[in-house]
Amino acid sequence: YLCVVSSAVDTSIAASLAAAAMSNNSVAVCVEACQEYQVQEITYDGQEVYVQPCSMSENLTKLAQKIDFGQAADEQQSSVEKASFQPSLWPWDSVRTKLRSALMEVSVLCDVLSIARQKHYLVLDPVSQEPPEHRPVAVLVAKKKALAAAAGVLLSGAESLRGAAADPAGLSSPRGAGSVAQALPQQRLAPDFHAELLHMRQNWRLRKVGTTILGDLSYRSAGSRFWQSGTFEVSKSSEPRAGSSLQVTLPSELEGISYIQVTIQKDTETIASGQLSINLPQNAFSSPETHWQQRLEAAQNVLFCRELFAQLAREAVQLQPSIPNLVVGNQITAALFPGVQLCIGLCHRTLQDRQPALPPSRLDHKHVLEHSLHQLLREYHYAFLHQGAPRPASGPVGVPRKRHLAGPHAHDRQRLRDSLHSETILEKIIAQTQHVALRLRTMYVIDQFACEVKDPLVVAHWACLSSPTHNSVKINILSQGYETMCRTPLVIHVEEQRLRAVCRDGRVIQLSYEPQELRFLLMAQVAQHQVSSVQTLAKFVGWKVLS
């Protein structure tokens, strides 16, 4: 036993440590102190308070305090007493023991002296070995066998890759270089379940629960918070069909096809009649025999339409416009203008529930508005998932940038409330629909007025670049035969609920959604054009304008 003691520790402690180490109930003594800083406290702000490690002297003193010196001395004294009073078996026992130990020591001493005197005991003679027999023919045969085995493995792998590349479904072929070319056609007729499952996993989220493979159709990874889960089950088909060995089991509520119908109605039509239909081709409906990719895409579209309609219905109930919104069944009705309503309906059809097409009067579906609804819901998902970084970095997450700027800019409560107000999906689609209805009404009024007025000519040019809630049209009033001299331009900006006309002299006239106001403006512009045309022609001819 080795005991290292610092100069600061008393020698009696060292002797006691040695005695305690030799006893049965010894205490482990570490020579070197641990250099790790132990954590004493962790504050509320995450800062750690460390404790300085002990030195070697302090560590040895700390370990020495754990030794019971009295117990070690008592045990040693009791063992001596027991040995002194132990009776011998026979009178010459102690003499025999001492002679035996002396004989062992003398024998060891003789062996050591003989080895030290005779040096040849310390020399290791090399053992002679027979030289190996070289057989070049055997070595060549072994190399050929090894090369043939490696070539077989490479050829089988190449044939497998070639078969997988030639297969349109990307399925693997059986192993073996000789049987690949013969078994490849049969393998294509019977698709591989695992290879097709790998192909499905590349496009859809799958997980294994026990012995069942489950998939997820929902948009939760994209930011959706819809309550309905799009879980489906994947299993191996008992009767493999051509081109697929997977069997997909969908929930009953996700079967079929769904779509959002957006129409603009008049007061003369029945509100919330429930007659929602769009002419769909036969191949639009999914059946159990359809490929699993098409079925999953149709089911995901059903789930997306359900979430979109649920969001619109919730917003329609929460909003409080002057004319309340109406939610009946799978149909939402909102007022756009007096006598004009927006109808949004959720249509869900299966192959068994197909009904005959309705009259064309009910099929005035606005595909652009339906696409806008899909885009608005995707933007809602993106905004929920991608929130702005806080400024400063220690600030709360998810607070808008306008709210961060409210303090430095000293915004009052009303201004802060107005800046933080965000439009809902229903408000945005109502604004877009109002713009569409007002634009169609403006186009109709301009076309009818241009047909009624033969002289002068009224030419309208609609801007090709527009936004969902703003568009403009440039109207040129021309006198036939005098287009270069007599021309009156007029620009009309079509917004959500009003029109803004910019005249030739730079005046801006605000118009409401009433078509009669636009008609009166066009009539006034035509009359002004006639007067200015007569004055221009009179100057060229040399006439005098009396009044």
Protein backbone atom coordinates (compact mmCIF):
# COMPACT_ATOMS: atom_id res chain seq x y z
CA TYR A 1 0.00 0.00 0.00
CA LEU A 2 1.27 3.40 -1.00
CA CYS A 3 0.18 6.47 0.90
CA VAL A 4 1.03 9.98 -0.35
CA VAL A 5 0.76 12.60 2.37
CA SER A 6 1.16 16.36 2.04
CA SER A 7 3.52 18.27 4.29
CA ALA A 8 0.57 20.04 5.86
CA VAL A 9 -0.82 16.78 7.27
CA ASP A 10 0.49 15.28 10.44
CA THR A 11 2.53 12.03 10.25
CA SER A 12 0.18 10.34 12.68
CA ILE A 13 -2.62 10.76 10.13
CA ALA A 14 -0.45 9.03 7.52
CA ALA A 15 0.26 6.11 9.86
CA SER A 16 -3.41 5.83 10.67
CA LEU A 17 -4.26 5.85 6.96
CA ALA A 18 -1.83 3.01 6.32
CA ALA A 19 -3.25 0.97 9.17
CA ALA A 20 -6.80 1.62 8.00
CA ALA A 21 -5.89 0.64 4.43
CA MET A 22 -4.52 -2.72 5.67
CA SER A 23 -7.67 -3.48 7.66
CA ASN A 24 -10.69 -5.21 6.25
CA ASN A 25 -13.03 -2.21 6.53
CA SER A 26 -10.69 0.10 4.61
CA VAL A 27 -11.56 3.47 3.12
CA ALA A 28 -10.62 4.18 -0.53
CA VAL A 29 -8.07 7.00 -0.57
CA CYS A 30 -7.67 8.96 -3.82
CA VAL A 31 -4.17 10.35 -4.32
CA GLU A 32 -5.19 13.05 -6.84
CA ALA A 33 -8.05 15.44 -6.14
CA CYS A 34 -10.95 15.73 -8.60
CA GLN A 35 -10.55 18.79 -10.84
CA GLU A 36 -14.22 19.06 -11.87
CA TYR A 37 -16.22 22.08 -10.80
CA GLN A 38 -19.44 20.96 -9.13
CA VAL A 39 -22.62 22.99 -9.56
CA GLN A 40 -23.71 24.53 -6.27
CA GLU A 41 -26.76 26.54 -7.40
CA ILE A 42 -28.70 27.41 -10.57
CA THR A 43 -30.26 30.88 -10.48
CA TYR A 44 -33.62 31.79 -12.02
CA ASP A 45 -31.98 33.38 -15.05
CA GLY A 46 -30.17 30.10 -15.89
CA GLN A 47 -26.75 31.08 -14.48
CA GLU A 48 -24.82 28.29 -12.71
CA VAL A 49 -22.79 28.89 -9.53
CA TYR A 50 -19.80 26.50 -9.28
CA VAL A 51 -17.78 25.31 -6.25
CA GLN A 52 -13.97 25.42 -6.46
CA PRO A 53 -12.48 21.89 -6.18
CA CYS A 54 -10.36 20.91 -3.16
CA SER A 55 -6.59 20.76 -3.24
CA MET A 56 -4.65 17.52 -2.64
CA SER A 57 -4.10 18.28 1.05
CA GLU A 58 -7.73 19.24 1.62
CA ASN A 59 -8.94 16.18 -0.24
CA LEU A 60 -6.68 13.85 1.79
CA THR A 61 -7.80 15.47 5.04
CA LYS A 62 -11.43 15.10 4.00
CA LEU A 63 -10.95 11.41 3.30
CA ALA A 64 -9.06 10.89 6.55
CA GLN A 65 -12.06 12.19 8.49
CA LYS A 66 -14.12 9.27 7.18
CA ILE A 67 -11.82 6.66 8.85
CA ASP A 68 -12.77 5.26 12.24
CA PHE A 69 -9.33 5.03 13.86
CA GLY A 70 -10.65 3.52 17.08
CA GLN A 71 -12.35 0.68 15.29
CA ALA A 72 -9.16 -0.22 13.36
CA ALA A 73 -7.04 -0.27 16.55
CA ASP A 74 -9.58 -2.40 18.42
CA GLU A 75 -9.78 -4.93 15.60
CA GLN A 76 -5.95 -5.19 15.40
CA GLN A 77 -5.67 -5.65 19.19
CA SER A 78 -8.37 -8.32 19.25
CA SER A 79 -6.70 -10.20 16.40
CA VAL A 80 -3.34 -10.17 18.30
CA GLU A 81 -5.02 -11.41 21.45
CA LYS A 82 -6.75 -14.21 19.57
CA ALA A 83 -3.44 -15.29 18.02
CA SER A 84 -1.60 -15.27 21.36
CA PHE A 85 -4.12 -17.45 23.11
CA GLN A 86 -4.68 -19.81 20.15
CA PRO A 87 -3.59 -23.31 21.29
CA SER A 88 -1.23 -25.28 19.03
CA LEU A 89 -2.16 -28.61 17.59
CA TRP A 90 1.05 -30.33 18.73
CA PRO A 91 4.22 -29.13 20.51
CA TRP A 92 6.53 -28.93 17.45
CA ASP A 93 4.01 -27.12 15.18
CA SER A 94 5.71 -23.73 15.33
CA VAL A 95 9.14 -25.26 14.69
CA ARG A 96 7.83 -27.10 11.63
CA THR A 97 6.27 -23.94 10.23
CA LYS A 98 9.45 -21.89 10.63
CA LEU A 99 11.61 -24.62 9.09
CA ARG A 100 9.25 -24.90 6.13
CA SER A 101 9.31 -21.16 5.43
CA ALA A 102 13.12 -21.12 5.75
CA LEU A 103 13.39 -24.01 3.27
CA MET A 104 11.24 -22.13 0.74
CA GLU A 105 13.35 -18.99 1.05
CA VAL A 106 16.63 -20.95 0.67
CA SER A 107 15.25 -22.76 -2.41
CA VAL A 108 14.27 -19.49 -4.02
CA LEU A 109 17.68 -18.01 -3.22
CA CYS A 110 19.45 -20.99 -4.80
CA ASP A 111 17.39 -20.68 -7.97
CA VAL A 112 18.14 -16.98 -8.27
CA LEU A 113 21.90 -17.55 -7.74
CA SER A 114 22.02 -20.34 -10.32
CA ILE A 115 20.26 -18.22 -12.94
CA ALA A 116 22.53 -15.26 -12.23
CA ARG A 117 25.68 -17.44 -12.46
CA GLN A 118 24.80 -19.43 -15.58
CA LYS A 119 23.95 -16.95 -18.34
CA HIS A 120 22.63 -19.53 -20.82
CA TYR A 121 19.41 -19.76 -18.82
CA LEU A 122 18.66 -16.17 -19.89
CA VAL A 123 19.18 -16.78 -23.66
CA LEU A 124 16.18 -17.65 -25.83
CA ASP A 125 17.24 -20.01 -28.65
CA PRO A 126 15.36 -19.50 -31.94
CA VAL A 127 13.11 -22.36 -32.95
CA SER A 128 13.85 -23.62 -36.42
CA GLN A 129 10.81 -23.82 -38.74
CA GLU A 130 10.48 -25.62 -42.00
CA PRO A 131 10.23 -23.31 -45.04
CA PRO A 132 6.70 -23.19 -46.54
CA GLU A 133 6.17 -25.03 -49.77
CA HIS A 134 5.23 -22.73 -52.68
CA ARG A 135 2.65 -24.04 -55.14
CA PRO A 136 2.00 -21.46 -57.89
CA VAL A 137 -0.76 -23.54 -59.47
CA ALA A 138 -2.75 -23.74 -56.25
CA VAL A 139 -2.40 -19.99 -55.69
CA LEU A 140 -3.63 -19.29 -59.22
CA VAL A 141 -6.67 -21.58 -58.77
CA ALA A 142 -7.56 -19.88 -55.47
CA LYS A 143 -7.35 -16.42 -57.06
CA LYS A 144 -9.57 -17.54 -59.94
CA LYS A 145 -12.19 -18.87 -57.53
CA ALA A 146 -12.14 -15.62 -55.53
CA LEU A 147 -12.48 -13.52 -58.69
CA ALA A 148 -15.36 -15.70 -59.93
CA ALA A 149 -17.22 -15.29 -56.63
CA ALA A 150 -16.73 -11.51 -56.66
CA ALA A 151 -17.85 -11.32 -60.30
CA GLY A 152 -21.00 -13.28 -59.49
CA VAL A 153 -21.92 -10.86 -56.72
CA LEU A 154 -21.34 -7.84 -58.97
CA LEU A 155 -23.33 -9.34 -61.85
CA SER A 156 -26.29 -10.17 -59.62
CA GLY A 157 -26.33 -6.63 -58.24
CA ALA A 158 -26.06 -5.13 -61.73
CA GLU A 159 -28.96 -7.25 -62.98
CA SER A 160 -31.07 -6.20 -60.01
CA LEU A 161 -30.39 -2.53 -60.70
CA ARG A 162 -31.04 -3.01 -64.41
CA GLY A 163 -34.37 -4.67 -63.70
CA ALA A 164 -35.38 -1.94 -61.26
CA ALA A 165 -34.48 0.77 -63.81
CA ALA A 166 -36.35 -1.00 -66.61
CA ASP A 167 -39.47 -1.47 -64.47
CA PRO A 168 -41.74 1.61 -64.79
CA ALA A 169 -42.90 1.22 -61.18
CA GLY A 170 -39.31 1.05 -59.90
CA LEU A 171 -39.68 -2.47 -58.48
CA SER A 172 -36.78 -4.76 -57.65
CA SER A 173 -36.03 -8.02 -59.44
CA PRO A 174 -35.06 -11.37 -57.86
CA ARG A 175 -31.45 -12.13 -57.11
CA GLY A 176 -29.21 -14.39 -59.10
CA ALA A 177 -27.36 -13.65 -62.31
CA GLY A 178 -28.72 -16.64 -64.21
CA SER A 179 -32.40 -16.40 -63.23
CA VAL A 180 -32.82 -12.61 -63.49
CA ALA A 181 -33.60 -12.45 -67.18
CA GLN A 182 -36.19 -15.25 -66.88
CA ALA A 183 -37.92 -14.12 -63.67
CA LEU A 184 -38.11 -10.39 -64.52
CA PRO A 185 -41.39 -10.51 -66.51
CA GLN A 186 -43.12 -12.47 -63.74
CA GLN A 187 -41.79 -10.00 -61.19
CA ARG A 188 -43.29 -7.08 -63.10
CA LEU A 189 -46.68 -8.78 -63.16
CA ALA A 190 -46.52 -9.20 -59.34
CA PRO A 191 -45.37 -5.84 -57.88
CA ASP A 192 -43.19 -5.80 -54.79
CA PHE A 193 -45.08 -4.67 -51.67
CA HIS A 194 -42.04 -3.21 -49.90
CA ALA A 195 -40.80 -1.32 -52.95
CA GLU A 196 -44.22 0.23 -53.52
CA LEU A 197 -44.48 1.04 -49.81
CA LEU A 198 -41.14 2.85 -50.09
CA HIS A 199 -42.51 4.80 -53.04
CA MET A 200 -45.58 5.79 -50.99
CA ARG A 201 -43.39 6.88 -48.09
CA GLN A 202 -41.59 9.34 -50.36
CA ASN A 203 -44.87 11.24 -50.94
CA TRP A 204 -46.92 10.63 -47.78
CA ARG A 205 -46.26 10.54 -44.05
CA LEU A 206 -46.31 6.97 -42.77
CA ARG A 207 -45.64 5.41 -39.36
CA LYS A 208 -45.84 1.88 -37.98
CA VAL A 209 -47.96 1.27 -34.88
CA GLY A 210 -47.48 -2.30 -33.77
CA THR A 211 -48.19 -4.45 -36.81
CA THR A 212 -50.26 -1.75 -38.57
CA ILE A 213 -48.99 0.87 -41.01
CA LEU A 214 -50.82 4.19 -40.62
CA GLY A 215 -50.61 7.32 -42.75
CA ASP A 216 -51.57 10.96 -42.28
CA LEU A 217 -53.38 13.13 -44.83
CA SER A 218 -53.79 16.25 -42.72
CA TYR A 219 -52.06 19.61 -43.20
CA ARG A 220 -50.84 19.81 -39.60
CA SER A 221 -47.22 19.87 -40.68
CA ALA A 222 -48.08 22.93 -42.83
CA GLY A 223 -49.74 24.85 -39.96
CA SER A 224 -53.29 23.49 -39.90
CA ARG A 225 -55.21 23.22 -36.61
CA PHE A 226 -58.25 21.36 -37.92
CA TRP A 227 -59.75 18.90 -35.45
CA GLN A 228 -60.40 16.09 -37.94
CA SER A 229 -57.50 13.69 -38.48
CA GLY A 230 -56.74 12.30 -41.90
CA THR A 231 -55.50 8.88 -40.77
CA PHE A 232 -55.56 6.01 -43.25
CA GLU A 233 -54.34 2.42 -43.10
CA VAL A 234 -51.99 0.72 -45.54
CA SER A 235 -51.98 -3.06 -45.93
CA LYS A 236 -50.93 -5.67 -48.44
CA SER A 237 -53.61 -6.47 -50.98
CA SER A 238 -54.86 -10.05 -50.84
CA GLU A 239 -55.61 -9.94 -54.58
CA PRO A 240 -52.88 -7.84 -56.20
CA ARG A 241 -54.24 -5.82 -59.07
CA ALA A 242 -52.21 -4.83 -62.09
CA GLY A 243 -49.72 -2.14 -61.14
CA SER A 244 -50.36 -2.05 -57.36
CA SER A 245 -49.94 -4.39 -54.40
CA LEU A 246 -51.08 -1.91 -51.73
CA GLN A 247 -54.53 -1.62 -50.24
CA VAL A 248 -55.46 1.75 -48.76
CA THR A 249 -58.32 1.95 -46.25
CA LEU A 250 -59.77 5.46 -45.91
CA PRO A 251 -62.36 6.75 -43.42
CA SER A 252 -65.89 6.82 -44.77
CA GLU A 253 -66.13 10.63 -44.43
CA LEU A 254 -63.09 11.09 -46.69
CA GLU A 255 -64.35 8.93 -49.54
CA GLY A 256 -65.50 10.57 -52.76
CA ILE A 257 -64.73 14.10 -53.89
CA SER A 258 -65.38 17.54 -52.38
CA TYR A 259 -65.26 21.05 -53.76
CA ILE A 260 -66.23 24.57 -52.75
CA GLN A 261 -68.90 26.18 -54.91
CA VAL A 262 -68.86 29.98 -55.04
CA THR A 263 -71.77 31.77 -56.74
CA ILE A 264 -73.16 35.30 -56.87
CA GLN A 265 -76.95 35.33 -56.46
CA LYS A 266 -79.71 37.86 -56.89
CA ASP A 267 -82.67 38.46 -54.61
CA THR A 268 -84.96 36.76 -57.08
CA GLU A 269 -83.25 33.41 -56.47
CA THR A 270 -83.89 31.25 -53.45
CA ILE A 271 -81.38 31.78 -50.66
CA ALA A 272 -79.90 28.69 -48.97
CA SER A 273 -81.83 26.32 -51.19
CA GLY A 274 -79.18 23.61 -50.81
CA GLN A 275 -79.02 22.96 -54.55
CA LEU A 276 -75.27 22.80 -54.99
CA SER A 277 -73.85 21.04 -58.00
CA ILE A 278 -71.06 21.31 -60.53
CA ASN A 279 -70.81 19.19 -63.64
CA LEU A 280 -67.97 16.75 -62.99
CA PRO A 281 -66.55 14.10 -65.32
CA GLN A 282 -66.93 10.42 -64.54
CA ASN A 283 -63.23 9.95 -63.76
CA ALA A 284 -63.36 12.64 -61.06
CA PHE A 285 -64.98 10.23 -58.60
CA SER A 286 -62.65 7.80 -56.82
CA SER A 287 -63.60 4.15 -56.45
CA PRO A 288 -61.92 1.26 -54.56
CA GLU A 289 -60.37 0.14 -57.87
CA THR A 290 -58.67 3.51 -58.38
CA HIS A 291 -54.91 3.75 -57.81
CA TRP A 292 -53.95 4.59 -54.23
CA GLN A 293 -52.23 7.85 -55.26
CA GLN A 294 -55.43 9.27 -56.79
CA ARG A 295 -57.51 8.10 -53.82
CA LEU A 296 -55.17 9.75 -51.32
CA GLU A 297 -55.11 13.02 -53.27
CA ALA A 298 -58.92 13.06 -53.46
CA ALA A 299 -59.20 12.30 -49.72
CA GLN A 300 -56.75 15.07 -48.88
CA ASN A 301 -58.77 17.49 -50.99
CA VAL A 302 -61.92 16.43 -49.08
CA LEU A 303 -60.17 17.16 -45.78
CA PHE A 304 -58.92 20.52 -47.06
CA CYS A 305 -62.41 21.57 -48.22
CA ARG A 306 -63.90 20.55 -44.88
CA GLU A 307 -61.37 22.65 -43.01
CA LEU A 308 -61.94 25.62 -45.34
CA PHE A 309 -65.71 25.51 -44.94
CA ALA A 310 -65.46 25.07 -41.15
CA GLN A 311 -63.20 28.14 -40.95
CA LEU A 312 -65.58 30.20 -43.11
CA ALA A 313 -68.62 29.10 -41.08
CA ARG A 314 -66.92 30.02 -37.80
CA GLU A 315 -65.95 33.45 -39.13
CA ALA A 316 -69.46 34.02 -40.53
CA VAL A 317 -70.94 33.47 -37.07
CA GLN A 318 -68.35 35.67 -35.34
CA LEU A 319 -68.67 38.62 -37.74
CA GLN A 320 -71.42 41.15 -37.10
CA PRO A 321 -72.15 43.03 -40.34
CA SER A 322 -75.17 45.27 -40.90
CA ILE A 323 -76.87 42.42 -42.76
CA PRO A 324 -76.12 39.25 -40.77
CA ASN A 325 -74.59 36.28 -42.52
CA LEU A 326 -76.65 33.15 -42.97
CA VAL A 327 -75.22 29.66 -42.31
CA VAL A 328 -77.60 26.83 -43.17
CA GLY A 329 -76.26 23.31 -43.51
CA ASN A 330 -73.38 23.29 -45.97
CA GLN A 331 -74.12 26.75 -47.35
CA ILE A 332 -73.01 30.24 -46.28
CA THR A 333 -74.76 33.35 -47.59
CA ALA A 334 -73.29 36.84 -47.16
CA ALA A 335 -74.58 40.17 -48.46
CA LEU A 336 -72.43 42.01 -51.02
CA PHE A 337 -74.66 44.84 -52.26
CA PRO A 338 -78.36 45.50 -51.92
CA GLY A 339 -79.95 42.69 -53.87
CA VAL A 340 -76.71 40.73 -54.41
CA GLN A 341 -75.51 37.89 -52.18
CA LEU A 342 -72.45 35.66 -52.07
CA CYS A 343 -73.16 31.94 -51.70
CA ILE A 344 -70.38 29.57 -50.58
CA GLY A 345 -71.29 25.89 -50.41
CA LEU A 346 -69.48 22.68 -49.52
CA CYS A 347 -70.29 19.91 -51.99
CA HIS A 348 -69.36 16.32 -51.19
CA ARG A 349 -70.20 13.55 -53.62
CA THR A 350 -69.38 9.89 -53.86
CA LEU A 351 -69.75 7.49 -56.74
CA GLN A 352 -73.00 6.14 -55.28
CA ASP A 353 -74.48 9.58 -54.51
CA ARG A 354 -74.20 11.01 -58.00
CA GLN A 355 -77.27 13.04 -58.99
CA PRO A 356 -78.36 14.39 -62.36
CA ALA A 357 -76.96 17.78 -63.29
CA LEU A 358 -79.01 20.83 -62.40
CA PRO A 359 -80.15 23.44 -64.91
CA PRO A 360 -77.44 25.76 -66.22
CA SER A 361 -78.91 28.68 -64.27
CA ARG A 362 -77.62 27.13 -61.04
CA LEU A 363 -74.17 26.33 -62.37
CA ASP A 364 -72.73 29.88 -62.44
CA HIS A 365 -69.66 28.83 -60.49
CA LYS A 366 -66.78 31.29 -59.98
CA HIS A 367 -63.62 29.20 -60.31
CA VAL A 368 -61.38 32.22 -59.67
CA LEU A 369 -63.00 32.85 -56.29
CA GLU A 370 -62.72 29.17 -55.38
CA HIS A 371 -59.01 29.30 -56.17
CA SER A 372 -58.71 32.46 -54.06
CA LEU A 373 -60.30 30.64 -51.11
CA HIS A 374 -57.74 27.86 -51.38
CA GLN A 375 -54.92 30.39 -51.54
CA LEU A 376 -56.22 32.32 -48.52
CA LEU A 377 -56.36 29.18 -46.38
CA ARG A 378 -52.83 28.23 -47.39
CA GLU A 379 -51.63 31.73 -46.49
CA TYR A 380 -53.38 31.32 -43.12
CA HIS A 381 -51.47 28.07 -42.54
CA TYR A 382 -48.18 29.68 -43.56
CA ALA A 383 -48.70 32.69 -41.27
CA PHE A 384 -49.45 30.41 -38.32
CA LEU A 385 -46.34 28.30 -38.88
CA HIS A 386 -43.89 31.09 -39.86
CA GLN A 387 -44.01 33.78 -37.20
CA GLY A 388 -41.67 36.73 -37.14
CA ALA A 389 -38.56 36.69 -34.98
CA PRO A 390 -38.88 38.74 -31.76
CA ARG A 391 -37.06 42.04 -31.45
CA PRO A 392 -35.15 42.08 -29.15
CA ALA A 393 -34.29 38.40 -29.11
CA SER A 394 -35.41 38.06 -25.48
CA GLY A 395 -38.92 39.27 -26.33
CA PRO A 396 -42.02 37.08 -26.63
CA VAL A 397 -42.45 34.95 -29.75
CA GLY A 398 -45.33 35.57 -32.15
CA VAL A 399 -45.89 39.28 -31.44
CA PRO A 400 -46.47 41.25 -34.67
CA ARG A 401 -43.94 43.82 -35.81
CA LYS A 402 -46.53 46.62 -35.54
CA ARG A 403 -46.95 45.88 -31.85
CA HIS A 404 -43.19 46.04 -31.31
CA LEU A 405 -43.16 49.48 -32.94
CA ALA A 406 -46.12 50.74 -30.89
CA GLY A 407 -43.95 51.61 -27.89
CA PRO A 408 -41.19 53.60 -29.62
CA HIS A 409 -43.76 55.43 -31.78
CA ALA A 410 -46.11 56.17 -28.85
CA HIS A 411 -49.23 54.69 -30.43
CA ASP A 412 -52.43 55.17 -28.50
CA ARG A 413 -54.89 52.37 -27.78
CA GLN A 414 -57.17 53.03 -30.73
CA ARG A 415 -54.31 53.25 -33.20
CA LEU A 416 -52.77 50.07 -31.80
CA ARG A 417 -56.10 48.27 -32.10
CA ASP A 418 -56.53 49.39 -35.70
CA SER A 419 -52.99 48.35 -36.64
CA LEU A 420 -53.35 44.90 -35.08
CA HIS A 421 -56.69 44.18 -36.71
CA SER A 422 -56.32 41.46 -39.33
CA GLU A 423 -58.95 40.53 -41.88
CA THR A 424 -60.43 37.08 -41.75
CA ILE A 425 -60.69 34.75 -44.73
CA LEU A 426 -64.39 35.48 -45.10
CA GLU A 427 -63.82 39.25 -45.09
CA LYS A 428 -61.13 38.91 -47.76
CA ILE A 429 -63.26 36.73 -50.02
CA ILE A 430 -66.24 39.07 -49.57
CA ALA A 431 -64.04 42.01 -50.60
CA GLN A 432 -62.82 40.11 -53.67
CA THR A 433 -66.36 39.09 -54.58
CA GLN A 434 -67.56 42.68 -54.24
CA HIS A 435 -64.81 43.76 -56.59
CA VAL A 436 -65.75 41.03 -59.08
CA ALA A 437 -69.44 41.97 -58.95
CA LEU A 438 -68.69 45.70 -59.28
CA ARG A 439 -66.29 45.06 -62.17
CA LEU A 440 -68.85 42.96 -64.03
CA ARG A 441 -71.47 45.63 -63.44
CA THR A 442 -69.08 48.33 -64.70
CA MET A 443 -68.26 46.32 -67.81
CA TYR A 444 -71.95 45.81 -68.53
CA VAL A 445 -72.76 49.53 -68.14
CA ILE A 446 -69.86 50.61 -70.38
CA ASP A 447 -70.74 48.05 -73.07
CA GLN A 448 -74.41 49.02 -73.07
CA PHE A 449 -73.58 52.71 -73.23
CA ALA A 450 -71.10 52.16 -76.09
CA CYS A 451 -73.78 50.26 -78.03
CA GLU A 452 -76.38 52.97 -77.48
CA VAL A 453 -74.15 55.94 -78.38
CA LYS A 454 -73.05 55.76 -82.02
CA ASP A 455 -71.42 59.19 -82.22
CA PRO A 456 -68.94 59.75 -80.67
CA LEU A 457 -67.19 56.37 -80.33
CA VAL A 458 -66.63 55.00 -76.81
CA VAL A 459 -63.61 52.65 -76.64
CA ALA A 460 -62.70 50.88 -73.37
CA HIS A 461 -59.31 49.30 -72.62
CA TRP A 462 -59.14 47.18 -69.45
CA ALA A 463 -55.77 46.89 -67.71
CA CYS A 464 -54.21 43.45 -67.95
CA LEU A 465 -52.34 43.89 -64.65
CA SER A 466 -54.65 44.04 -61.66
CA SER A 467 -55.05 42.86 -58.08
CA PRO A 468 -57.84 40.80 -56.50
CA THR A 469 -59.51 43.98 -55.22
CA HIS A 470 -58.48 46.66 -57.72
CA ASN A 471 -58.71 47.10 -61.47
CA SER A 472 -58.83 49.99 -63.89
CA VAL A 473 -60.27 50.76 -67.30
CA LYS A 474 -59.26 53.54 -69.68
CA ILE A 475 -62.09 54.99 -71.76
CA ASN A 476 -61.40 57.03 -74.90
CA ILE A 477 -64.23 59.08 -76.40
CA LEU A 478 -63.44 59.75 -80.09
CA SER A 479 -65.14 61.61 -82.92
CA GLN A 480 -65.17 59.53 -86.06
CA GLY A 481 -62.82 61.01 -88.64
CA TYR A 482 -61.20 63.41 -86.15
CA GLU A 483 -59.50 60.93 -83.79
CA THR A 484 -56.25 62.90 -83.50
CA MET A 485 -57.88 66.26 -82.70
CA CYS A 486 -60.99 65.28 -80.79
CA ARG A 487 -60.15 62.79 -78.03
CA THR A 488 -61.38 62.75 -74.42
CA PRO A 489 -59.69 60.25 -72.07
CA LEU A 490 -61.29 58.96 -68.87
CA VAL A 491 -59.79 56.49 -66.36
CA ILE A 492 -62.06 54.59 -63.98
CA HIS A 493 -60.59 52.66 -61.04
CA VAL A 494 -62.79 49.81 -59.87
CA GLU A 495 -62.34 49.07 -56.17
CA GLU A 496 -64.34 47.00 -53.70
CA GLN A 497 -67.43 49.13 -53.05
CA ARG A 498 -66.85 52.25 -55.09
CA LEU A 499 -65.56 53.68 -58.37
CA ARG A 500 -63.00 56.41 -58.73
CA ALA A 501 -62.97 58.34 -62.02
CA VAL A 502 -60.05 60.52 -63.14
CA CYS A 503 -61.15 63.05 -65.78
CA ARG A 504 -59.16 64.76 -68.51
CA ASP A 505 -58.54 67.89 -66.47
CA GLY A 506 -57.29 65.90 -63.45
CA ARG A 507 -60.46 65.99 -61.41
CA VAL A 508 -61.19 62.90 -59.30
CA ILE A 509 -64.83 61.92 -58.96
CA GLN A 510 -65.94 59.35 -56.37
CA LEU A 511 -68.81 57.10 -57.44
CA SER A 512 -70.75 54.50 -55.47
CA TYR A 513 -71.64 50.98 -56.61
CA GLU A 514 -74.87 52.18 -58.24
CA PRO A 515 -74.69 51.70 -62.04
CA GLN A 516 -76.83 54.79 -62.69
CA GLU A 517 -74.11 57.10 -61.35
CA LEU A 518 -71.57 55.68 -63.80
CA ARG A 519 -74.06 56.07 -66.65
CA PHE A 520 -74.63 59.72 -65.77
CA LEU A 521 -70.87 60.31 -65.68
CA LEU A 522 -70.42 58.79 -69.14
CA MET A 523 -73.25 60.92 -70.52
CA ALA A 524 -71.66 64.05 -69.06
CA GLN A 525 -68.27 63.14 -70.53
CA VAL A 526 -69.84 62.56 -73.97
CA ALA A 527 -71.58 65.95 -73.84
CA GLN A 528 -68.35 67.66 -72.78
CA HIS A 529 -66.54 65.89 -75.61
CA GLN A 530 -69.07 67.13 -78.15
CA VAL A 531 -68.65 70.71 -76.99
CA SER A 532 -64.85 70.55 -76.99
CA SER A 533 -64.90 68.91 -80.46
CA VAL A 534 -67.04 71.70 -81.90
CA GLN A 535 -64.75 74.34 -80.40
CA THR A 536 -61.64 72.61 -81.78
CA LEU A 537 -63.11 72.30 -85.28
CA ALA A 538 -64.30 75.94 -85.19
CA LYS A 539 -60.75 77.10 -84.56
CA PHE A 540 -59.47 75.15 -87.56
CA VAL A 541 -62.23 76.40 -89.85
CA GLY A 542 -61.97 79.98 -88.59
CA TRP A 543 -65.37 80.31 -87.04
CA LYS A 544 -66.07 82.46 -84.02
CA VAL A 545 -67.56 80.97 -80.93
CA LEU A 546 -70.22 83.34 -79.67
CA SER A 547 -71.01 81.58 -76.42
